[in-house]
Structures are given as structure tokens and as C-alpha cells.
Amino acid sequence: MVLGTDANDIRRAIRGFVENTDAILVVSIDPRHQQITMLSLPRDAVDVPMADGRTWAAKINSLRGALGYEALEGALETLYGIPIDYYVEIDMADFGRLVNAVGGVDVVNPYGLYDPAIGLNLPAGPAHLNGNGAARYVRTRVDLDYSRARRQQEVFLALVEKFVDPAFDVDPLDFLAGLRSVRTDIPLDKVPTFMELARRARDATVVGQVMGPPRFVRFEGYSGARGWIMIPNIPEIRAFAQSTMGD
């Protein structure tokens, strides 16, 4: 489970600031290293089943802040019908540091993005993004949250490619130790194993899916106090997740 929060260095210092997990991915490599699968659940998803039998009626991006990592992990396991082994979380500030540490990332923007609220003006086509640019690229919602989730997957893959590149000669343990916001339950002695798995999967087929309309959504729109929401089509989501990650 890969999480990105809306916190940064300043917000973390503000007493009472509640972090939201605005990037929620589940990532898997198949046992033969032939397929990488990424599933993104939009932050506005509501009415998500939880592991203890309850339903999280609020937006899913608030669950971790309210009940912790185990609760969010259990909810995703229940929604997708698959086991999740580990989680890792990073905030906006460290995301930018991560991108800068690998020398930036290359993306292909399918259409121009203009979001003056966050200082983004990116034309269509290939682009090389530094930390600030990448943060804006994955944050903007001017073209709805589903497209933002696809950009998050694109940048995640770009970062992984940089880390497994033999030319990138940095000890991942030393590097991760310098990040301030990283939270994970991955044992340190397993990090090299994860890196090796990623290297072996460099030529794997990538299946990236955002749980959006029409197939994976029962309703989207305004709903009173909850604001703009998305009610997931749980049977369709579970069937897709099990077909791509079930092994």
C-alpha cells in the first residue's frame, strides 16, 4: 500500500493539522516478475467496507488519519479482496526531495494543464519535472481526481525506474533515512529484496487502473455534508483486483 499525504514541512508543524491521504495505491509484482499492477482508489471514495465489518462512510482519504494505517490497510484488503503485506507513506515535501534526489522524472502529459492555484502551467507532451514540478503534476485536480490518480501512477513508475537504474548509485537505506515523513512497516532488512524485485521486473507489463467510472463507480456527485463523493461499485472493483492481483 503506497500512500501520499497532503502534509508538508509547514503543515506538519501546525498543531491540530489533520493529514489526508490523497494518493492511495496498491502495488503488486507477480511471482514471475512479468507484471506490475497498480490500483488507485480516488480520495473521494466513500462507503468503503472495513475489515471489522463496519463501513467507512466518510471519504477514504480521512480514514488513516482517524483510525491509523492498519484500518486503512484492512479496508483496502476488504474492498479489493486481496492481502496487503506492507505499507509506505510519504508527504508532499519528501516527495519533492525524492524526485530531486533521482535527478527529476520524465512524464508525457497528454494535454495542457493549467492550475494557477498551485502554480502549474504545463503544455502537452513530454516533460522533465523536478521535485516541485512533479508535486504540482500529481496534485492538480483541474481535470478531476481520476486523471490525477493516473498521474500519480505515472510518476510512481518513473521513480521506481530511476531507483533500479544501475547508474543510480545511492544506498536506498541511507537515502530513506534522510526523509522526514516516511512511515512504513517494511523491515529495513527487506528493502534490498524489494529493490531486487523491482530490478527483475524492469521489463514487466504494467497494468495501471484507477477505480473510476463507468465500471467501478455506482454514483458520483454532491451528497449533502459529505460534499463531492464517489460511491464505489464494490463487486466490480473486487473482481478486477482479484483477476490482476489474485495470484
C-alpha atoms as a PDB file:
ATOM      1  CA  MET A   1       0.000   0.000   0.000  1.00  0.00           C
ATOM      2  CA  VAL A   2       1.564   3.275  -1.150  1.00  0.00           C
ATOM      3  CA  LEU A   3       0.192   6.455   0.423  1.00  0.00           C
ATOM      4  CA  GLY A   4       0.837  10.120  -0.251  1.00  0.00           C
ATOM      5  CA  THR A   5      -0.380  12.718   2.231  1.00  0.00           C
ATOM      6  CA  ASP A   6      -1.266  16.381   1.778  1.00  0.00           C
ATOM      7  CA  ALA A   7       1.161  17.436   4.537  1.00  0.00           C
ATOM      8  CA  ASN A   8       4.422  19.333   4.083  1.00  0.00           C
ATOM      9  CA  ASP A   9       7.090  20.700   6.420  1.00  0.00           C
ATOM     10  CA  ILE A  10       4.983  23.728   7.405  1.00  0.00           C
ATOM     11  CA  ARG A  11       1.716  21.860   7.831  1.00  0.00           C
ATOM     12  CA  ARG A  12       3.351  19.196   9.988  1.00  0.00           C
ATOM     13  CA  ALA A  13       4.423  21.951  12.382  1.00  0.00           C
ATOM     14  CA  ILE A  14       0.878  23.282  12.764  1.00  0.00           C
ATOM     15  CA  ARG A  15      -0.814  21.895  15.844  1.00  0.00           C
ATOM     16  CA  GLY A  16      -4.066  20.157  15.042  1.00  0.00           C
ATOM     17  CA  PHE A  17      -3.412  19.750  11.316  1.00  0.00           C
ATOM     18  CA  VAL A  18      -5.085  16.542  10.148  1.00  0.00           C
ATOM     19  CA  GLU A  19      -3.313  14.780   7.304  1.00  0.00           C
ATOM     20  CA  ASN A  20      -5.336  13.364   4.434  1.00  0.00           C
ATOM     21  CA  THR A  21      -4.061  10.534   2.270  1.00  0.00           C
ATOM     22  CA  ASP A  22      -4.755  11.982  -1.165  1.00  0.00           C
ATOM     23  CA  ALA A  23      -2.809   9.275  -3.019  1.00  0.00           C
ATOM     24  CA  ILE A  24      -3.899   5.707  -2.269  1.00  0.00           C
ATOM     25  CA  LEU A  25      -2.286   2.997  -4.370  1.00  0.00           C
ATOM     26  CA  VAL A  26      -1.913  -0.731  -4.026  1.00  0.00           C
ATOM     27  CA  VAL A  27       1.067  -2.030  -5.993  1.00  0.00           C
ATOM     28  CA  SER A  28       1.960  -5.636  -6.755  1.00  0.00           C
ATOM     29  CA  ILE A  29       4.613  -7.558  -8.707  1.00  0.00           C
ATOM     30  CA  ASP A  30       3.593 -11.025  -9.832  1.00  0.00           C
ATOM     31  CA  PRO A  31       5.739 -14.014  -8.786  1.00  0.00           C
ATOM     32  CA  ARG A  32       7.289 -14.333 -12.264  1.00  0.00           C
ATOM     33  CA  HIS A  33       8.218 -10.624 -12.364  1.00  0.00           C
ATOM     34  CA  GLN A  34       6.252 -10.292 -15.596  1.00  0.00           C
ATOM     35  CA  GLN A  35       3.501  -7.916 -14.479  1.00  0.00           C
ATOM     36  CA  ILE A  36       3.347  -4.866 -12.241  1.00  0.00           C
ATOM     37  CA  THR A  37      -0.187  -3.952 -11.194  1.00  0.00           C
ATOM     38  CA  MET A  38      -1.214  -0.630  -9.674  1.00  0.00           C
ATOM     39  CA  LEU A  39      -4.703   0.086  -8.360  1.00  0.00           C
ATOM     40  CA  SER A  40      -5.668   3.622  -7.343  1.00  0.00           C
ATOM     41  CA  LEU A  41      -8.665   4.394  -5.179  1.00  0.00           C
ATOM     42  CA  PRO A  42      -9.778   8.028  -5.601  1.00  0.00           C
ATOM     43  CA  ARG A  43      -9.690  10.110  -2.429  1.00  0.00           C
ATOM     44  CA  ASP A  44     -13.413  10.924  -2.661  1.00  0.00           C
ATOM     45  CA  ALA A  45     -14.499   7.284  -2.360  1.00  0.00           C
ATOM     46  CA  VAL A  46     -17.000   6.752   0.462  1.00  0.00           C
ATOM     47  CA  ASP A  47     -18.936   3.832   1.958  1.00  0.00           C
ATOM     48  CA  VAL A  48     -15.876   1.591   1.840  1.00  0.00           C
ATOM     49  CA  PRO A  49     -16.158  -1.728   3.729  1.00  0.00           C
ATOM     50  CA  MET A  50     -13.767  -2.174   6.632  1.00  0.00           C
ATOM     51  CA  ALA A  51     -12.084  -5.295   7.967  1.00  0.00           C
ATOM     52  CA  ASP A  52     -14.123  -5.239  11.193  1.00  0.00           C
ATOM     53  CA  GLY A  53     -17.438  -5.324   9.325  1.00  0.00           C
ATOM     54  CA  ARG A  54     -18.206  -1.624   9.576  1.00  0.00           C
ATOM     55  CA  THR A  55     -18.430   0.778   6.653  1.00  0.00           C
ATOM     56  CA  TRP A  56     -16.340   3.940   6.416  1.00  0.00           C
ATOM     57  CA  ALA A  57     -18.974   6.472   5.378  1.00  0.00           C
ATOM     58  CA  ALA A  58     -16.626   9.463   5.118  1.00  0.00           C
ATOM     59  CA  LYS A  59     -14.124   9.996   2.326  1.00  0.00           C
ATOM     60  CA  ILE A  60     -11.441   7.330   2.227  1.00  0.00           C
ATOM     61  CA  ASN A  61      -8.634   9.889   2.423  1.00  0.00           C
ATOM     62  CA  SER A  62      -9.635  10.596   6.030  1.00  0.00           C
ATOM     63  CA  LEU A  63      -9.539   7.001   7.284  1.00  0.00           C
ATOM     64  CA  ARG A  64      -5.815   6.707   8.029  1.00  0.00           C
ATOM     65  CA  GLY A  65      -5.789   9.985   9.936  1.00  0.00           C
ATOM     66  CA  ALA A  66      -8.749   8.908  12.039  1.00  0.00           C
ATOM     67  CA  LEU A  67      -8.042   5.242  12.705  1.00  0.00           C
ATOM     68  CA  GLY A  68      -4.490   4.513  11.571  1.00  0.00           C
ATOM     69  CA  TYR A  69      -2.633   2.529   8.949  1.00  0.00           C
ATOM     70  CA  GLU A  70      -3.975  -0.863   9.968  1.00  0.00           C
ATOM     71  CA  ALA A  71      -7.560   0.313   9.500  1.00  0.00           C
ATOM     72  CA  LEU A  72      -6.882   1.699   6.015  1.00  0.00           C
ATOM     73  CA  GLU A  73      -4.920  -1.375   5.024  1.00  0.00           C
ATOM     74  CA  GLY A  74      -7.750  -3.594   6.249  1.00  0.00           C
ATOM     75  CA  ALA A  75     -10.310  -1.539   4.345  1.00  0.00           C
ATOM     76  CA  LEU A  76      -8.368  -1.895   1.099  1.00  0.00           C
ATOM     77  CA  GLU A  77      -7.890  -5.610   1.687  1.00  0.00           C
ATOM     78  CA  THR A  78     -11.649  -5.930   2.199  1.00  0.00           C
ATOM     79  CA  LEU A  79     -12.559  -3.761  -0.773  1.00  0.00           C
ATOM     80  CA  TYR A  80     -10.165  -5.491  -3.176  1.00  0.00           C
ATOM     81  CA  GLY A  81     -10.412  -8.987  -1.706  1.00  0.00           C
ATOM     82  CA  ILE A  82      -6.632  -9.406  -1.619  1.00  0.00           C
ATOM     83  CA  PRO A  83      -3.977  -9.467   1.114  1.00  0.00           C
ATOM     84  CA  ILE A  84      -1.699  -6.439   1.530  1.00  0.00           C
ATOM     85  CA  ASP A  85       1.718  -7.177   3.021  1.00  0.00           C
ATOM     86  CA  TYR A  86       3.201  -3.754   3.760  1.00  0.00           C
ATOM     87  CA  TYR A  87       2.589  -0.030   3.568  1.00  0.00           C
ATOM     88  CA  VAL A  88       4.726   3.018   2.923  1.00  0.00           C
ATOM     89  CA  GLU A  89       3.663   6.658   3.262  1.00  0.00           C
ATOM     90  CA  ILE A  90       5.339   9.917   2.271  1.00  0.00           C
ATOM     91  CA  ASP A  91       4.251  13.561   2.353  1.00  0.00           C
ATOM     92  CA  MET A  92       4.477  16.292  -0.292  1.00  0.00           C
ATOM     93  CA  ALA A  93       7.752  17.773   0.924  1.00  0.00           C
ATOM     94  CA  ASP A  94       9.615  14.473   0.957  1.00  0.00           C
ATOM     95  CA  PHE A  95       8.047  13.506  -2.352  1.00  0.00           C
ATOM     96  CA  GLY A  96       9.727  16.550  -3.871  1.00  0.00           C
ATOM     97  CA  ARG A  97      13.033  15.639  -2.215  1.00  0.00           C
ATOM     98  CA  LEU A  98      12.701  12.124  -3.582  1.00  0.00           C
ATOM     99  CA  VAL A  99      12.191  13.359  -7.132  1.00  0.00           C
ATOM    100  CA  ASN A 100      15.110  15.777  -6.872  1.00  0.00           C
ATOM    101  CA  ALA A 101      17.360  13.049  -5.473  1.00  0.00           C
ATOM    102  CA  VAL A 102      16.960  10.950  -8.626  1.00  0.00           C
ATOM    103  CA  GLY A 103      17.520  13.933 -10.913  1.00  0.00           C
ATOM    104  CA  GLY A 104      13.870  14.518 -11.771  1.00  0.00           C
ATOM    105  CA  VAL A 105      11.372  12.355 -13.619  1.00  0.00           C
ATOM    106  CA  ASP A 106      10.206  12.186 -17.218  1.00  0.00           C
ATOM    107  CA  VAL A 107       6.478  12.179 -17.979  1.00  0.00           C
ATOM    108  CA  VAL A 108       4.272  12.525 -21.034  1.00  0.00           C
ATOM    109  CA  ASN A 109       1.448  14.963 -20.407  1.00  0.00           C
ATOM    110  CA  PRO A 110      -1.461  14.109 -22.764  1.00  0.00           C
ATOM    111  CA  TYR A 111      -2.926  17.632 -22.711  1.00  0.00           C
ATOM    112  CA  GLY A 112      -2.098  21.040 -21.336  1.00  0.00           C
ATOM    113  CA  LEU A 113      -2.617  21.539 -17.598  1.00  0.00           C
ATOM    114  CA  TYR A 114      -3.168  24.998 -16.158  1.00  0.00           C
ATOM    115  CA  ASP A 115      -3.767  25.331 -12.438  1.00  0.00           C
ATOM    116  CA  PRO A 116      -2.850  28.834 -11.195  1.00  0.00           C
ATOM    117  CA  ALA A 117      -3.815  27.914  -7.631  1.00  0.00           C
ATOM    118  CA  ILE A 118      -0.703  25.733  -7.337  1.00  0.00           C
ATOM    119  CA  GLY A 119       1.458  27.436  -9.980  1.00  0.00           C
ATOM    120  CA  LEU A 120       1.116  24.779 -12.680  1.00  0.00           C
ATOM    121  CA  ASN A 121       1.224  25.619 -16.373  1.00  0.00           C
ATOM    122  CA  LEU A 122       2.363  22.522 -18.253  1.00  0.00           C
ATOM    123  CA  PRO A 123       1.879  22.125 -22.015  1.00  0.00           C
ATOM    124  CA  ALA A 124       1.014  18.822 -23.621  1.00  0.00           C
ATOM    125  CA  GLY A 125       3.847  16.478 -24.493  1.00  0.00           C
ATOM    126  CA  PRO A 126       6.997  15.083 -22.897  1.00  0.00           C
ATOM    127  CA  ALA A 127       8.316  16.929 -19.847  1.00  0.00           C
ATOM    128  CA  HIS A 128      11.146  16.571 -17.373  1.00  0.00           C
ATOM    129  CA  LEU A 129       9.965  17.543 -13.897  1.00  0.00           C
ATOM    130  CA  ASN A 130      11.932  18.457 -10.798  1.00  0.00           C
ATOM    131  CA  GLY A 131      10.556  17.937  -7.302  1.00  0.00           C
ATOM    132  CA  ASN A 132       8.303  20.994  -7.292  1.00  0.00           C
ATOM    133  CA  GLY A 133       7.051  20.333 -10.807  1.00  0.00           C
ATOM    134  CA  ALA A 134       6.298  16.696 -10.070  1.00  0.00           C
ATOM    135  CA  ALA A 135       4.444  17.643  -6.891  1.00  0.00           C
ATOM    136  CA  ARG A 136       2.243  20.044  -8.847  1.00  0.00           C
ATOM    137  CA  TYR A 137       1.722  17.433 -11.570  1.00  0.00           C
ATOM    138  CA  VAL A 138       0.358  14.843  -9.139  1.00  0.00           C
ATOM    139  CA  ARG A 139      -1.605  17.335  -7.030  1.00  0.00           C
ATOM    140  CA  THR A 140      -3.685  19.211  -9.585  1.00  0.00           C
ATOM    141  CA  ARG A 141      -7.328  18.257  -9.933  1.00  0.00           C
ATOM    142  CA  VAL A 142      -8.292  20.604 -12.741  1.00  0.00           C
ATOM    143  CA  ASP A 143      -9.158  17.533 -14.814  1.00  0.00           C
ATOM    144  CA  LEU A 144     -10.803  15.543 -11.997  1.00  0.00           C
ATOM    145  CA  ASP A 145      -9.357  13.174  -9.451  1.00  0.00           C
ATOM    146  CA  TYR A 146      -9.285  10.151 -11.758  1.00  0.00           C
ATOM    147  CA  SER A 147      -6.737  11.807 -14.041  1.00  0.00           C
ATOM    148  CA  ARG A 148      -4.733  12.904 -11.029  1.00  0.00           C
ATOM    149  CA  ALA A 149      -4.582   9.294  -9.867  1.00  0.00           C
ATOM    150  CA  ARG A 150      -3.262   8.253 -13.286  1.00  0.00           C
ATOM    151  CA  ARG A 151      -0.536  10.869 -13.000  1.00  0.00           C
ATOM    152  CA  GLN A 152       0.372   9.560  -9.568  1.00  0.00           C
ATOM    153  CA  GLN A 153       0.831   6.098 -11.059  1.00  0.00           C
ATOM    154  CA  GLU A 154       2.939   7.515 -13.895  1.00  0.00           C
ATOM    155  CA  VAL A 155       5.286   9.338 -11.531  1.00  0.00           C
ATOM    156  CA  PHE A 156       5.489   6.363  -9.164  1.00  0.00           C
ATOM    157  CA  LEU A 157       6.699   4.187 -12.036  1.00  0.00           C
ATOM    158  CA  ALA A 158       9.151   6.857 -13.156  1.00  0.00           C
ATOM    159  CA  LEU A 159      10.639   6.980  -9.652  1.00  0.00           C
ATOM    160  CA  VAL A 160      10.951   3.199  -9.469  1.00  0.00           C
ATOM    161  CA  GLU A 161      12.717   3.160 -12.836  1.00  0.00           C
ATOM    162  CA  LYS A 162      15.225   5.695 -11.562  1.00  0.00           C
ATOM    163  CA  PHE A 163      15.913   3.756  -8.371  1.00  0.00           C
ATOM    164  CA  VAL A 164      16.533   0.458 -10.181  1.00  0.00           C
ATOM    165  CA  ASP A 165      18.738   2.056 -12.841  1.00  0.00           C
ATOM    166  CA  PRO A 166      22.286   0.696 -12.357  1.00  0.00           C
ATOM    167  CA  ALA A 167      23.582   4.229 -12.942  1.00  0.00           C
ATOM    168  CA  PHE A 168      21.783   5.404  -9.794  1.00  0.00           C
ATOM    169  CA  ASP A 169      24.456   4.670  -7.224  1.00  0.00           C
ATOM    170  CA  VAL A 170      22.779   5.550  -3.934  1.00  0.00           C
ATOM    171  CA  ASP A 171      22.221   3.303  -0.926  1.00  0.00           C
ATOM    172  CA  PRO A 172      18.403   3.257  -0.534  1.00  0.00           C
ATOM    173  CA  LEU A 173      18.623   2.775   3.231  1.00  0.00           C
ATOM    174  CA  ASP A 174      20.850   5.830   3.671  1.00  0.00           C
ATOM    175  CA  PHE A 175      18.633   7.863   1.382  1.00  0.00           C
ATOM    176  CA  LEU A 176      15.345   6.892   3.030  1.00  0.00           C
ATOM    177  CA  ALA A 177      16.800   7.633   6.454  1.00  0.00           C
ATOM    178  CA  GLY A 178      17.154  11.272   5.386  1.00  0.00           C
ATOM    179  CA  LEU A 179      13.467  11.706   4.617  1.00  0.00           C
ATOM    180  CA  ARG A 180      11.434  13.181   7.457  1.00  0.00           C
ATOM    181  CA  SER A 181       7.945  11.901   6.791  1.00  0.00           C
ATOM    182  CA  VAL A 182       8.390   8.318   5.619  1.00  0.00           C
ATOM    183  CA  ARG A 183       6.290   5.850   7.583  1.00  0.00           C
ATOM    184  CA  THR A 184       6.418   2.145   6.780  1.00  0.00           C
ATOM    185  CA  ASP A 185       6.208  -1.302   8.297  1.00  0.00           C
ATOM    186  CA  ILE A 186       8.688  -2.760   5.797  1.00  0.00           C
ATOM    187  CA  PRO A 187      11.602  -4.189   7.811  1.00  0.00           C
ATOM    188  CA  LEU A 188      14.876  -2.495   6.902  1.00  0.00           C
ATOM    189  CA  ASP A 189      16.492  -5.814   6.032  1.00  0.00           C
ATOM    190  CA  LYS A 190      13.820  -6.367   3.361  1.00  0.00           C
ATOM    191  CA  VAL A 191      14.490  -3.125   1.487  1.00  0.00           C
ATOM    192  CA  PRO A 192      17.287  -4.647  -0.655  1.00  0.00           C
ATOM    193  CA  THR A 193      14.926  -7.510  -1.522  1.00  0.00           C
ATOM    194  CA  PHE A 194      12.282  -5.044  -2.673  1.00  0.00           C
ATOM    195  CA  MET A 195      14.890  -3.281  -4.822  1.00  0.00           C
ATOM    196  CA  GLU A 196      15.921  -6.577  -6.392  1.00  0.00           C
ATOM    197  CA  LEU A 197      12.292  -7.467  -7.143  1.00  0.00           C
ATOM    198  CA  ALA A 198      11.871  -4.110  -8.870  1.00  0.00           C
ATOM    199  CA  ARG A 199      15.048  -4.672 -10.909  1.00  0.00           C
ATOM    200  CA  ARG A 200      13.853  -8.082 -12.057  1.00  0.00           C
ATOM    201  CA  ALA A 201      10.546  -6.530 -13.131  1.00  0.00           C
ATOM    202  CA  ARG A 202      12.100  -3.730 -15.223  1.00  0.00           C
ATOM    203  CA  ASP A 203      10.670  -5.235 -18.432  1.00  0.00           C
ATOM    204  CA  ALA A 204       7.358  -6.294 -16.912  1.00  0.00           C
ATOM    205  CA  THR A 205       3.985  -5.384 -18.370  1.00  0.00           C
ATOM    206  CA  VAL A 206       2.378  -2.572 -16.387  1.00  0.00           C
ATOM    207  CA  VAL A 207      -1.324  -2.727 -15.568  1.00  0.00           C
ATOM    208  CA  GLY A 208      -2.475   0.552 -14.062  1.00  0.00           C
ATOM    209  CA  GLN A 209      -6.106   1.042 -13.145  1.00  0.00           C
ATOM    210  CA  VAL A 210      -7.921   3.903 -11.458  1.00  0.00           C
ATOM    211  CA  MET A 211     -11.148   2.855  -9.794  1.00  0.00           C
ATOM    212  CA  GLY A 212     -13.247   5.350 -11.690  1.00  0.00           C
ATOM    213  CA  PRO A 213     -16.334   5.487 -13.910  1.00  0.00           C
ATOM    214  CA  PRO A 214     -18.112   3.896 -15.541  1.00  0.00           C
ATOM    215  CA  ARG A 215     -17.199   0.374 -14.484  1.00  0.00           C
ATOM    216  CA  PHE A 216     -16.068   0.962 -10.912  1.00  0.00           C
ATOM    217  CA  VAL A 217     -18.472   3.675  -9.751  1.00  0.00           C
ATOM    218  CA  ARG A 218     -22.096   3.415  -8.657  1.00  0.00           C
ATOM    219  CA  PHE A 219     -22.551   7.140  -8.036  1.00  0.00           C
ATOM    220  CA  GLU A 220     -20.530  10.335  -8.152  1.00  0.00           C
ATOM    221  CA  GLY A 221     -21.732  13.822  -7.321  1.00  0.00           C
ATOM    222  CA  TYR A 222     -22.618  16.087  -4.424  1.00  0.00           C
ATOM    223  CA  SER A 223     -24.119  14.468  -1.351  1.00  0.00           C
ATOM    224  CA  GLY A 224     -25.003  16.954   1.370  1.00  0.00           C
ATOM    225  CA  ALA A 225     -22.431  17.390   4.119  1.00  0.00           C
ATOM    226  CA  ARG A 226     -20.056  14.901   2.509  1.00  0.00           C
ATOM    227  CA  GLY A 227     -19.596  17.194  -0.484  1.00  0.00           C
ATOM    228  CA  TRP A 228     -18.427  15.640  -3.741  1.00  0.00           C
ATOM    229  CA  ILE A 229     -18.276  11.873  -3.303  1.00  0.00           C
ATOM    230  CA  MET A 230     -17.766   8.679  -5.244  1.00  0.00           C
ATOM    231  CA  ILE A 231     -19.614   5.518  -4.217  1.00  0.00           C
ATOM    232  CA  PRO A 232     -17.618   2.528  -5.463  1.00  0.00           C
ATOM    233  CA  ASN A 233     -19.033  -0.455  -7.305  1.00  0.00           C
ATOM    234  CA  ILE A 234     -17.575  -2.972  -4.873  1.00  0.00           C
ATOM    235  CA  PRO A 235     -18.272  -6.221  -6.819  1.00  0.00           C
ATOM    236  CA  GLU A 236     -16.656  -4.815  -9.973  1.00  0.00           C
ATOM    237  CA  ILE A 237     -13.658  -3.450  -8.073  1.00  0.00           C
ATOM    238  CA  ARG A 238     -13.139  -6.714  -6.230  1.00  0.00           C
ATOM    239  CA  ALA A 239     -13.443  -8.798  -9.389  1.00  0.00           C
ATOM    240  CA  PHE A 240     -10.862  -6.684 -11.190  1.00  0.00           C
ATOM    241  CA  ALA A 241      -8.425  -6.671  -8.270  1.00  0.00           C
ATOM    242  CA  GLN A 242      -8.608 -10.412  -7.822  1.00  0.00           C
ATOM    243  CA  SER A 243      -8.177 -11.016 -11.551  1.00  0.00           C
ATOM    244  CA  THR A 244      -4.998  -8.944 -11.665  1.00  0.00           C
ATOM    245  CA  MET A 245      -3.512  -9.491  -8.195  1.00  0.00           C
ATOM    246  CA  GLY A 246      -5.181 -12.673  -7.015  1.00  0.00           C
ATOM    247  CA  ASP A 247      -2.141 -14.871  -7.572  1.00  0.00           C
END
